[in-house]
Amino acid sequence: MTYQYSQRVPESDEDPVGNILKVAGSPSVISFAGGLPAPELFPIAALKKVTNEVFDQSGRQALQYSAAIGHPGLRQQIVKRMGREGVDTQIENVMITTGSQ
């Protein structure tokens, strides 16, 4: 299969973000560029618990596409959490985004 790309797409296999992450992943490097959180801080048990709860309660909806600014239920939960942290906001001020690329 042959792919045809716009003339504006560079003819390069270079991956600048991937290159940064390779260097940033080294234990001898403290990088402020790559955005690699400390894996030991990932709340695995809590994420498993809440993921199971979401799938049990509304799995089909959770896996379906939603509004471009994010699922309203998740946005509302973020508003509640921000309120517990002392931040007064509304759902209209919350947008869910993904990744860096």
PDB file of N, CA and C in Angstrom:
ATOM      1  N   MET A   1       0.842  -1.170   0.000  1.00  0.00           N
ATOM      2  CA  MET A   1       0.000   0.000   0.000  1.00  0.00           C
ATOM      3  C   MET A   1       0.891   1.239   0.000  1.00  0.00           C
ATOM      4  N   THR A   2       0.558   2.188  -0.825  1.00  0.00           N
ATOM      5  CA  THR A   2       1.307   3.431  -0.911  1.00  0.00           C
ATOM      6  C   THR A   2       0.488   4.553  -0.296  1.00  0.00           C
ATOM      7  N   TYR A   3       1.113   5.301   0.593  1.00  0.00           N
ATOM      8  CA  TYR A   3       0.450   6.423   1.225  1.00  0.00           C
ATOM      9  C   TYR A   3       0.846   7.707   0.515  1.00  0.00           C
ATOM     10  N   GLN A   4      -0.094   8.588   0.339  1.00  0.00           N
ATOM     11  CA  GLN A   4       0.191   9.890  -0.253  1.00  0.00           C
ATOM     12  C   GLN A   4      -0.099  10.958   0.785  1.00  0.00           C
ATOM     13  N   TYR A   5       0.921  11.755   1.069  1.00  0.00           N
ATOM     14  CA  TYR A   5       0.792  12.801   2.063  1.00  0.00           C
ATOM     15  C   TYR A   5       0.876  14.169   1.394  1.00  0.00           C
ATOM     16  N   SER A   6       0.409  15.158   2.085  1.00  0.00           N
ATOM     17  CA  SER A   6       0.527  16.535   1.630  1.00  0.00           C
ATOM     18  C   SER A   6       2.005  16.886   1.459  1.00  0.00           C
ATOM     19  N   GLN A   7       2.277  17.836   0.582  1.00  0.00           N
ATOM     20  CA  GLN A   7       3.653  18.310   0.375  1.00  0.00           C
ATOM     21  C   GLN A   7       4.232  18.897   1.661  1.00  0.00           C
ATOM     22  N   ARG A   8       3.343  19.319   2.573  1.00  0.00           N
ATOM     23  CA  ARG A   8       3.798  19.943   3.807  1.00  0.00           C
ATOM     24  C   ARG A   8       4.315  18.928   4.826  1.00  0.00           C
ATOM     25  N   VAL A   9       4.021  17.641   4.637  1.00  0.00           N
ATOM     26  CA  VAL A   9       4.490  16.618   5.564  1.00  0.00           C
ATOM     27  C   VAL A   9       5.961  16.342   5.276  1.00  0.00           C
ATOM     28  N   PRO A  10       6.833  16.491   6.260  1.00  0.00           N
ATOM     29  CA  PRO A  10       8.265  16.272   6.006  1.00  0.00           C
ATOM     30  C   PRO A  10       8.561  14.813   5.642  1.00  0.00           C
ATOM     31  N   GLU A  11       9.505  14.636   4.760  1.00  0.00           N
ATOM     32  CA  GLU A  11       9.922  13.289   4.369  1.00  0.00           C
ATOM     33  C   GLU A  11      11.050  12.843   5.287  1.00  0.00           C
ATOM     34  N   SER A  12      10.707  12.629   6.533  1.00  0.00           N
ATOM     35  CA  SER A  12      11.700  12.282   7.533  1.00  0.00           C
ATOM     36  C   SER A  12      11.095  11.299   8.522  1.00  0.00           C
ATOM     37  N   ASP A  13      11.921  10.404   8.994  1.00  0.00           N
ATOM     38  CA  ASP A  13      11.489   9.481  10.036  1.00  0.00           C
ATOM     39  C   ASP A  13      11.859  10.001  11.416  1.00  0.00           C
ATOM     40  N   GLU A  14      12.330  11.230  11.481  1.00  0.00           N
ATOM     41  CA  GLU A  14      12.765  11.801  12.744  1.00  0.00           C
ATOM     42  C   GLU A  14      11.573  11.982  13.675  1.00  0.00           C
ATOM     43  N   ASP A  15      11.790  11.685  14.942  1.00  0.00           N
ATOM     44  CA  ASP A  15      10.753  11.799  15.966  1.00  0.00           C
ATOM     45  C   ASP A  15      11.297  12.656  17.101  1.00  0.00           C
ATOM     46  N   PRO A  16      11.148  13.986  17.002  1.00  0.00           N
ATOM     47  CA  PRO A  16      11.746  14.863  18.015  1.00  0.00           C
ATOM     48  C   PRO A  16      11.263  14.567  19.431  1.00  0.00           C
ATOM     49  N   VAL A  17       9.978  14.322  19.604  1.00  0.00           N
ATOM     50  CA  VAL A  17       9.462  14.036  20.949  1.00  0.00           C
ATOM     51  C   VAL A  17      10.035  12.712  21.450  1.00  0.00           C
ATOM     52  N   GLY A  18      10.071  11.708  20.590  1.00  0.00           N
ATOM     53  CA  GLY A  18      10.647  10.420  20.979  1.00  0.00           C
ATOM     54  C   GLY A  18      12.108  10.546  21.370  1.00  0.00           C
ATOM     55  N   ASN A  19      12.847  11.378  20.644  1.00  0.00           N
ATOM     56  CA  ASN A  19      14.265  11.591  20.968  1.00  0.00           C
ATOM     57  C   ASN A  19      14.427  12.242  22.338  1.00  0.00           C
ATOM     58  N   ILE A  20      13.582  13.203  22.641  1.00  0.00           N
ATOM     59  CA  ILE A  20      13.634  13.853  23.957  1.00  0.00           C
ATOM     60  C   ILE A  20      13.329  12.838  25.048  1.00  0.00           C
ATOM     61  N   LEU A  21      12.297  12.010  24.832  1.00  0.00           N
ATOM     62  CA  LEU A  21      11.904  11.037  25.850  1.00  0.00           C
ATOM     63  C   LEU A  21      12.976   9.980  26.088  1.00  0.00           C
ATOM     64  N   LYS A  22      13.729   9.603  25.045  1.00  0.00           N
ATOM     65  CA  LYS A  22      14.826   8.644  25.226  1.00  0.00           C
ATOM     66  C   LYS A  22      15.861   9.192  26.197  1.00  0.00           C
ATOM     67  N   VAL A  23      16.236  10.448  26.011  1.00  0.00           N
ATOM     68  CA  VAL A  23      17.228  11.070  26.887  1.00  0.00           C
ATOM     69  C   VAL A  23      16.628  11.315  28.267  1.00  0.00           C
ATOM     70  N   ALA A  24      15.383  11.814  28.296  1.00  0.00           N
ATOM     71  CA  ALA A  24      14.745  12.150  29.564  1.00  0.00           C
ATOM     72  C   ALA A  24      14.500  10.920  30.420  1.00  0.00           C
ATOM     73  N   GLY A  25      14.411   9.746  29.801  1.00  0.00           N
ATOM     74  CA  GLY A  25      14.172   8.511  30.540  1.00  0.00           C
ATOM     75  C   GLY A  25      15.382   7.969  31.264  1.00  0.00           C
ATOM     76  N   SER A  26      16.533   8.547  31.003  1.00  0.00           N
ATOM     77  CA  SER A  26      17.759   8.101  31.655  1.00  0.00           C
ATOM     78  C   SER A  26      17.745   8.496  33.126  1.00  0.00           C
ATOM     79  N   PRO A  27      18.090   7.554  34.033  1.00  0.00           N
ATOM     80  CA  PRO A  27      18.099   7.879  35.462  1.00  0.00           C
ATOM     81  C   PRO A  27      19.088   8.979  35.834  1.00  0.00           C
ATOM     82  N   SER A  28      20.070   9.228  34.971  1.00  0.00           N
ATOM     83  CA  SER A  28      21.074  10.249  35.288  1.00  0.00           C
ATOM     84  C   SER A  28      20.664  11.645  34.823  1.00  0.00           C
ATOM     85  N   VAL A  29      19.468  11.749  34.237  1.00  0.00           N
ATOM     86  CA  VAL A  29      19.026  13.029  33.695  1.00  0.00           C
ATOM     87  C   VAL A  29      17.797  13.532  34.452  1.00  0.00           C
ATOM     88  N   ILE A  30      17.845  14.783  34.851  1.00  0.00           N
ATOM     89  CA  ILE A  30      16.657  15.448  35.381  1.00  0.00           C
ATOM     90  C   ILE A  30      16.173  16.363  34.271  1.00  0.00           C
ATOM     91  N   SER A  31      15.134  15.941  33.585  1.00  0.00           N
ATOM     92  CA  SER A  31      14.639  16.688  32.438  1.00  0.00           C
ATOM     93  C   SER A  31      13.355  17.427  32.800  1.00  0.00           C
ATOM     94  N   PHE A  32      13.291  18.669  32.377  1.00  0.00           N
ATOM     95  CA  PHE A  32      12.071  19.449  32.539  1.00  0.00           C
ATOM     96  C   PHE A  32      11.354  19.579  31.198  1.00  0.00           C
ATOM     97  N   ALA A  33      11.799  18.812  30.194  1.00  0.00           N
ATOM     98  CA  ALA A  33      11.240  18.942  28.857  1.00  0.00           C
ATOM     99  C   ALA A  33      10.299  17.808  28.484  1.00  0.00           C
ATOM    100  N   GLY A  34      10.604  16.597  28.894  1.00  0.00           N
ATOM    101  CA  GLY A  34       9.899  15.441  28.366  1.00  0.00           C
ATOM    102  C   GLY A  34       8.586  15.089  29.036  1.00  0.00           C
ATOM    103  N   GLY A  35       8.372  15.505  30.245  1.00  0.00           N
ATOM    104  CA  GLY A  35       7.123  15.199  30.923  1.00  0.00           C
ATOM    105  C   GLY A  35       6.980  13.751  31.318  1.00  0.00           C
ATOM    106  N   LEU A  36       7.982  13.174  31.938  1.00  0.00           N
ATOM    107  CA  LEU A  36       7.914  11.791  32.397  1.00  0.00           C
ATOM    108  C   LEU A  36       7.679  11.767  33.899  1.00  0.00           C
ATOM    109  N   PRO A  37       6.459  11.479  34.334  1.00  0.00           N
ATOM    110  CA  PRO A  37       6.213  11.416  35.780  1.00  0.00           C
ATOM    111  C   PRO A  37       6.931  10.225  36.408  1.00  0.00           C
ATOM    112  N   ALA A  38       7.176  10.318  37.690  1.00  0.00           N
ATOM    113  CA  ALA A  38       7.831   9.228  38.411  1.00  0.00           C
ATOM    114  C   ALA A  38       6.870   8.044  38.491  1.00  0.00           C
ATOM    115  N   PRO A  39       7.203   6.904  37.873  1.00  0.00           N
ATOM    116  CA  PRO A  39       6.280   5.772  37.825  1.00  0.00           C
ATOM    117  C   PRO A  39       5.891   5.234  39.195  1.00  0.00           C
ATOM    118  N   GLU A  40       6.755   5.412  40.190  1.00  0.00           N
ATOM    119  CA  GLU A  40       6.417   4.914  41.532  1.00  0.00           C
ATOM    120  C   GLU A  40       5.290   5.731  42.174  1.00  0.00           C
ATOM    121  N   LEU A  41       4.963   6.874  41.583  1.00  0.00           N
ATOM    122  CA  LEU A  41       3.879   7.702  42.108  1.00  0.00           C
ATOM    123  C   LEU A  41       2.530   7.416  41.446  1.00  0.00           C
ATOM    124  N   PHE A  42       2.502   6.547  40.443  1.00  0.00           N
ATOM    125  CA  PHE A  42       1.236   6.210  39.792  1.00  0.00           C
ATOM    126  C   PHE A  42       0.345   5.463  40.784  1.00  0.00           C
ATOM    127  N   PRO A  43      -0.880   5.928  41.007  1.00  0.00           N
ATOM    128  CA  PRO A  43      -1.783   5.272  41.966  1.00  0.00           C
ATOM    129  C   PRO A  43      -2.480   4.059  41.337  1.00  0.00           C
ATOM    130  N   ILE A  44      -1.742   3.011  41.090  1.00  0.00           N
ATOM    131  CA  ILE A  44      -2.252   1.843  40.360  1.00  0.00           C
ATOM    132  C   ILE A  44      -3.479   1.241  41.033  1.00  0.00           C
ATOM    133  N   ALA A  45      -3.422   0.988  42.327  1.00  0.00           N
ATOM    134  CA  ALA A  45      -4.548   0.348  43.020  1.00  0.00           C
ATOM    135  C   ALA A  45      -5.799   1.224  42.942  1.00  0.00           C
ATOM    136  N   ALA A  46      -5.645   2.520  43.158  1.00  0.00           N
ATOM    137  CA  ALA A  46      -6.805   3.425  43.098  1.00  0.00           C
ATOM    138  C   ALA A  46      -7.370   3.491  41.685  1.00  0.00           C
ATOM    139  N   LEU A  47      -6.500   3.500  40.667  1.00  0.00           N
ATOM    140  CA  LEU A  47      -6.974   3.531  39.284  1.00  0.00           C
ATOM    141  C   LEU A  47      -7.701   2.243  38.908  1.00  0.00           C
ATOM    142  N   LYS A  48      -7.197   1.098  39.373  1.00  0.00           N
ATOM    143  CA  LYS A  48      -7.897  -0.174  39.134  1.00  0.00           C
ATOM    144  C   LYS A  48      -9.291  -0.142  39.736  1.00  0.00           C
ATOM    145  N   LYS A  49      -9.378   0.333  40.958  1.00  0.00           N
ATOM    146  CA  LYS A  49     -10.668   0.374  41.673  1.00  0.00           C
ATOM    147  C   LYS A  49     -11.667   1.254  40.935  1.00  0.00           C
ATOM    148  N   VAL A  50     -11.275   2.471  40.611  1.00  0.00           N
ATOM    149  CA  VAL A  50     -12.204   3.399  39.975  1.00  0.00           C
ATOM    150  C   VAL A  50     -12.525   2.968  38.539  1.00  0.00           C
ATOM    151  N   THR A  51     -11.565   2.378  37.843  1.00  0.00           N
ATOM    152  CA  THR A  51     -11.830   1.881  36.491  1.00  0.00           C
ATOM    153  C   THR A  51     -12.883   0.786  36.535  1.00  0.00           C
ATOM    154  N   ASN A  52     -12.748  -0.146  37.471  1.00  0.00           N
ATOM    155  CA  ASN A  52     -13.751  -1.208  37.607  1.00  0.00           C
ATOM    156  C   ASN A  52     -15.126  -0.638  37.936  1.00  0.00           C
ATOM    157  N   GLU A  53     -15.169   0.369  38.804  1.00  0.00           N
ATOM    158  CA  GLU A  53     -16.446   1.000  39.149  1.00  0.00           C
ATOM    159  C   GLU A  53     -17.090   1.639  37.921  1.00  0.00           C
ATOM    160  N   VAL A  54     -16.284   2.353  37.133  1.00  0.00           N
ATOM    161  CA  VAL A  54     -16.822   3.008  35.930  1.00  0.00           C
ATOM    162  C   VAL A  54     -17.336   1.960  34.951  1.00  0.00           C
ATOM    163  N   PHE A  55     -16.558   0.907  34.714  1.00  0.00           N
ATOM    164  CA  PHE A  55     -16.997  -0.132  33.774  1.00  0.00           C
ATOM    165  C   PHE A  55     -18.232  -0.862  34.279  1.00  0.00           C
ATOM    166  N   ASP A  56     -18.309  -1.100  35.583  1.00  0.00           N
ATOM    167  CA  ASP A  56     -19.493  -1.765  36.136  1.00  0.00           C
ATOM    168  C   ASP A  56     -20.737  -0.899  36.001  1.00  0.00           C
ATOM    169  N   GLN A  57     -20.589   0.400  36.218  1.00  0.00           N
ATOM    170  CA  GLN A  57     -21.748   1.291  36.212  1.00  0.00           C
ATOM    171  C   GLN A  57     -22.136   1.765  34.810  1.00  0.00           C
ATOM    172  N   SER A  58     -21.141   2.059  33.973  1.00  0.00           N
ATOM    173  CA  SER A  58     -21.461   2.618  32.649  1.00  0.00           C
ATOM    174  C   SER A  58     -20.356   2.342  31.639  1.00  0.00           C
ATOM    175  N   GLY A  59     -19.983   1.075  31.530  1.00  0.00           N
ATOM    176  CA  GLY A  59     -18.890   0.685  30.645  1.00  0.00           C
ATOM    177  C   GLY A  59     -19.089   1.057  29.191  1.00  0.00           C
ATOM    178  N   ARG A  60     -20.282   0.820  28.667  1.00  0.00           N
ATOM    179  CA  ARG A  60     -20.523   1.125  27.250  1.00  0.00           C
ATOM    180  C   ARG A  60     -20.382   2.622  26.976  1.00  0.00           C
ATOM    181  N   GLN A  61     -20.930   3.426  27.867  1.00  0.00           N
ATOM    182  CA  GLN A  61     -20.824   4.872  27.682  1.00  0.00           C
ATOM    183  C   GLN A  61     -19.371   5.342  27.852  1.00  0.00           C
ATOM    184  N   ALA A  62     -18.653   4.719  28.763  1.00  0.00           N
ATOM    185  CA  ALA A  62     -17.268   5.127  29.013  1.00  0.00           C
ATOM    186  C   ALA A  62     -16.375   4.863  27.807  1.00  0.00           C
ATOM    187  N   LEU A  63     -16.701   3.837  27.020  1.00  0.00           N
ATOM    188  CA  LEU A  63     -15.881   3.492  25.869  1.00  0.00           C
ATOM    189  C   LEU A  63     -16.327   4.187  24.584  1.00  0.00           C
ATOM    190  N   GLN A  64     -17.436   4.882  24.637  1.00  0.00           N
ATOM    191  CA  GLN A  64     -17.980   5.548  23.458  1.00  0.00           C
ATOM    192  C   GLN A  64     -17.378   6.946  23.321  1.00  0.00           C
ATOM    193  N   TYR A  65     -17.369   7.461  22.101  1.00  0.00           N
ATOM    194  CA  TYR A  65     -16.942   8.843  21.891  1.00  0.00           C
ATOM    195  C   TYR A  65     -17.864   9.783  22.645  1.00  0.00           C
ATOM    196  N   SER A  66     -17.327  10.923  23.024  1.00  0.00           N
ATOM    197  CA  SER A  66     -18.103  11.911  23.760  1.00  0.00           C
ATOM    198  C   SER A  66     -17.844  13.277  23.152  1.00  0.00           C
ATOM    199  N   ALA A  67     -18.317  14.304  23.809  1.00  0.00           N
ATOM    200  CA  ALA A  67     -18.101  15.674  23.350  1.00  0.00           C
ATOM    201  C   ALA A  67     -16.607  15.972  23.276  1.00  0.00           C
ATOM    202  N   ALA A  68     -16.239  16.836  22.354  1.00  0.00           N
ATOM    203  CA  ALA A  68     -14.823  17.168  22.160  1.00  0.00           C
ATOM    204  C   ALA A  68     -14.181  17.758  23.407  1.00  0.00           C
ATOM    205  N   ILE A  69     -14.947  18.398  24.263  1.00  0.00           N
ATOM    206  CA  ILE A  69     -14.352  18.994  25.470  1.00  0.00           C
ATOM    207  C   ILE A  69     -14.350  18.030  26.648  1.00  0.00           C
ATOM    208  N   GLY A  70     -14.807  16.792  26.425  1.00  0.00           N
ATOM    209  CA  GLY A  70     -14.750  15.784  27.477  1.00  0.00           C
ATOM    210  C   GLY A  70     -16.115  15.386  27.991  1.00  0.00           C
ATOM    211  N   HIS A  71     -16.173  14.213  28.560  1.00  0.00           N
ATOM    212  CA  HIS A  71     -17.422  13.662  29.099  1.00  0.00           C
ATOM    213  C   HIS A  71     -17.916  14.559  30.241  1.00  0.00           C
ATOM    214  N   PRO A  72     -19.190  14.981  30.187  1.00  0.00           N
ATOM    215  CA  PRO A  72     -19.706  15.891  31.221  1.00  0.00           C
ATOM    216  C   PRO A  72     -19.580  15.336  32.647  1.00  0.00           C
ATOM    217  N   GLY A  73     -19.775  14.037  32.830  1.00  0.00           N
ATOM    218  CA  GLY A  73     -19.649  13.455  34.165  1.00  0.00           C
ATOM    219  C   GLY A  73     -18.239  13.583  34.715  1.00  0.00           C
ATOM    220  N   LEU A  74     -17.246  13.349  33.880  1.00  0.00           N
ATOM    221  CA  LEU A  74     -15.852  13.495  34.305  1.00  0.00           C
ATOM    222  C   LEU A  74     -15.538  14.955  34.601  1.00  0.00           C
ATOM    223  N   ARG A  75     -16.020  15.850  33.753  1.00  0.00           N
ATOM    224  CA  ARG A  75     -15.787  17.279  33.983  1.00  0.00           C
ATOM    225  C   ARG A  75     -16.415  17.724  35.294  1.00  0.00           C
ATOM    226  N   GLN A  76     -17.619  17.216  35.606  1.00  0.00           N
ATOM    227  CA  GLN A  76     -18.280  17.583  36.852  1.00  0.00           C
ATOM    228  C   GLN A  76     -17.507  17.049  38.064  1.00  0.00           C
ATOM    229  N   GLN A  77     -16.970  15.836  37.948  1.00  0.00           N
ATOM    230  CA  GLN A  77     -16.164  15.284  39.039  1.00  0.00           C
ATOM    231  C   GLN A  77     -14.908  16.117  39.267  1.00  0.00           C
ATOM    232  N   ILE A  78     -14.325  16.627  38.193  1.00  0.00           N
ATOM    233  CA  ILE A  78     -13.141  17.482  38.326  1.00  0.00           C
ATOM    234  C   ILE A  78     -13.519  18.781  39.034  1.00  0.00           C
ATOM    235  N   VAL A  79     -14.690  19.343  38.702  1.00  0.00           N
ATOM    236  CA  VAL A  79     -15.168  20.549  39.384  1.00  0.00           C
ATOM    237  C   VAL A  79     -15.309  20.280  40.883  1.00  0.00           C
ATOM    238  N   LYS A  80     -15.906  19.127  41.244  1.00  0.00           N
ATOM    239  CA  LYS A  80     -16.067  18.781  42.664  1.00  0.00           C
ATOM    240  C   LYS A  80     -14.714  18.657  43.352  1.00  0.00           C
ATOM    241  N   ARG A  81     -13.793  17.971  42.693  1.00  0.00           N
ATOM    242  CA  ARG A  81     -12.472  17.794  43.297  1.00  0.00           C
ATOM    243  C   ARG A  81     -11.751  19.132  43.462  1.00  0.00           C
ATOM    244  N   MET A  82     -11.836  19.973  42.453  1.00  0.00           N
ATOM    245  CA  MET A  82     -11.216  21.298  42.542  1.00  0.00           C
ATOM    246  C   MET A  82     -11.819  22.078  43.701  1.00  0.00           C
ATOM    247  N   GLY A  83     -13.145  21.934  43.906  1.00  0.00           N
ATOM    248  CA  GLY A  83     -13.803  22.602  45.024  1.00  0.00           C
ATOM    249  C   GLY A  83     -13.245  22.142  46.360  1.00  0.00           C
ATOM    250  N   ARG A  84     -12.989  20.819  46.488  1.00  0.00           N
ATOM    251  CA  ARG A  84     -12.393  20.305  47.726  1.00  0.00           C
ATOM    252  C   ARG A  84     -10.992  20.857  47.945  1.00  0.00           C
ATOM    253  N   GLU A  85     -10.329  21.229  46.844  1.00  0.00           N
ATOM    254  CA  GLU A  85      -8.974  21.804  46.934  1.00  0.00           C
ATOM    255  C   GLU A  85      -9.008  23.321  47.104  1.00  0.00           C
ATOM    256  N   GLY A  86     -10.233  23.883  47.202  1.00  0.00           N
ATOM    257  CA  GLY A  86     -10.354  25.319  47.414  1.00  0.00           C
ATOM    258  C   GLY A  86     -10.435  26.138  46.140  1.00  0.00           C
ATOM    259  N   VAL A  87     -10.606  25.481  44.997  1.00  0.00           N
ATOM    260  CA  VAL A  87     -10.703  26.194  43.723  1.00  0.00           C
ATOM    261  C   VAL A  87     -12.172  26.257  43.319  1.00  0.00           C
ATOM    262  N   ASP A  88     -12.694  27.463  43.208  1.00  0.00           N
ATOM    263  CA  ASP A  88     -14.087  27.668  42.831  1.00  0.00           C
ATOM    264  C   ASP A  88     -14.169  27.750  41.313  1.00  0.00           C
ATOM    265  N   THR A  89     -14.756  26.751  40.670  1.00  0.00           N
ATOM    266  CA  THR A  89     -14.872  26.746  39.214  1.00  0.00           C
ATOM    267  C   THR A  89     -16.197  26.124  38.811  1.00  0.00           C
ATOM    268  N   GLN A  90     -16.473  26.151  37.534  1.00  0.00           N
ATOM    269  CA  GLN A  90     -17.696  25.591  36.972  1.00  0.00           C
ATOM    270  C   GLN A  90     -17.329  24.630  35.852  1.00  0.00           C
ATOM    271  N   ILE A  91     -18.262  23.757  35.485  1.00  0.00           N
ATOM    272  CA  ILE A  91     -18.016  22.769  34.437  1.00  0.00           C
ATOM    273  C   ILE A  91     -17.625  23.432  33.111  1.00  0.00           C
ATOM    274  N   GLU A  92     -18.133  24.632  32.859  1.00  0.00           N
ATOM    275  CA  GLU A  92     -17.808  25.345  31.619  1.00  0.00           C
ATOM    276  C   GLU A  92     -16.328  25.710  31.524  1.00  0.00           C
ATOM    277  N   ASN A  93     -15.637  25.685  32.672  1.00  0.00           N
ATOM    278  CA  ASN A  93     -14.219  26.036  32.707  1.00  0.00           C
ATOM    279  C   ASN A  93     -13.296  24.823  32.645  1.00  0.00           C
ATOM    280  N   VAL A  94     -13.873  23.636  32.467  1.00  0.00           N
ATOM    281  CA  VAL A  94     -13.063  22.411  32.466  1.00  0.00           C
ATOM    282  C   VAL A  94     -13.146  21.753  31.089  1.00  0.00           C
ATOM    283  N   MET A  95     -11.980  21.437  30.536  1.00  0.00           N
ATOM    284  CA  MET A  95     -11.903  20.738  29.270  1.00  0.00           C
ATOM    285  C   MET A  95     -10.907  19.594  29.405  1.00  0.00           C
ATOM    286  N   ILE A  96     -11.281  18.407  28.935  1.00  0.00           N
ATOM    287  CA  ILE A  96     -10.418  17.242  29.004  1.00  0.00           C
ATOM    288  C   ILE A  96      -9.595  17.171  27.719  1.00  0.00           C
ATOM    289  N   THR A  97      -8.287  17.021  27.860  1.00  0.00           N
ATOM    290  CA  THR A  97      -7.409  16.878  26.691  1.00  0.00           C
ATOM    291  C   THR A  97      -6.598  15.601  26.846  1.00  0.00           C
ATOM    292  N   THR A  98      -5.915  15.204  25.781  1.00  0.00           N
ATOM    293  CA  THR A  98      -5.127  13.983  25.846  1.00  0.00           C
ATOM    294  C   THR A  98      -3.736  14.224  25.278  1.00  0.00           C
ATOM    295  N   GLY A  99      -2.762  13.599  25.891  1.00  0.00           N
ATOM    296  CA  GLY A  99      -1.409  13.525  25.353  1.00  0.00           C
ATOM    297  C   GLY A  99      -0.754  14.832  25.007  1.00  0.00           C
ATOM    298  N   SER A 100       0.383  14.701  24.314  1.00  0.00           N
ATOM    299  CA  SER A 100       1.159  15.886  23.952  1.00  0.00           C
ATOM    300  C   SER A 100       1.411  15.967  22.451  1.00  0.00           C
ATOM    301  N   GLN A 101       0.964  14.984  21.699  1.00  0.00           N
ATOM    302  CA  GLN A 101       1.263  15.008  20.266  1.00  0.00           C
ATOM    303  C   GLN A 101       0.009  15.226  19.474  1.00  0.00           C
TER     304      GLN A 101
END
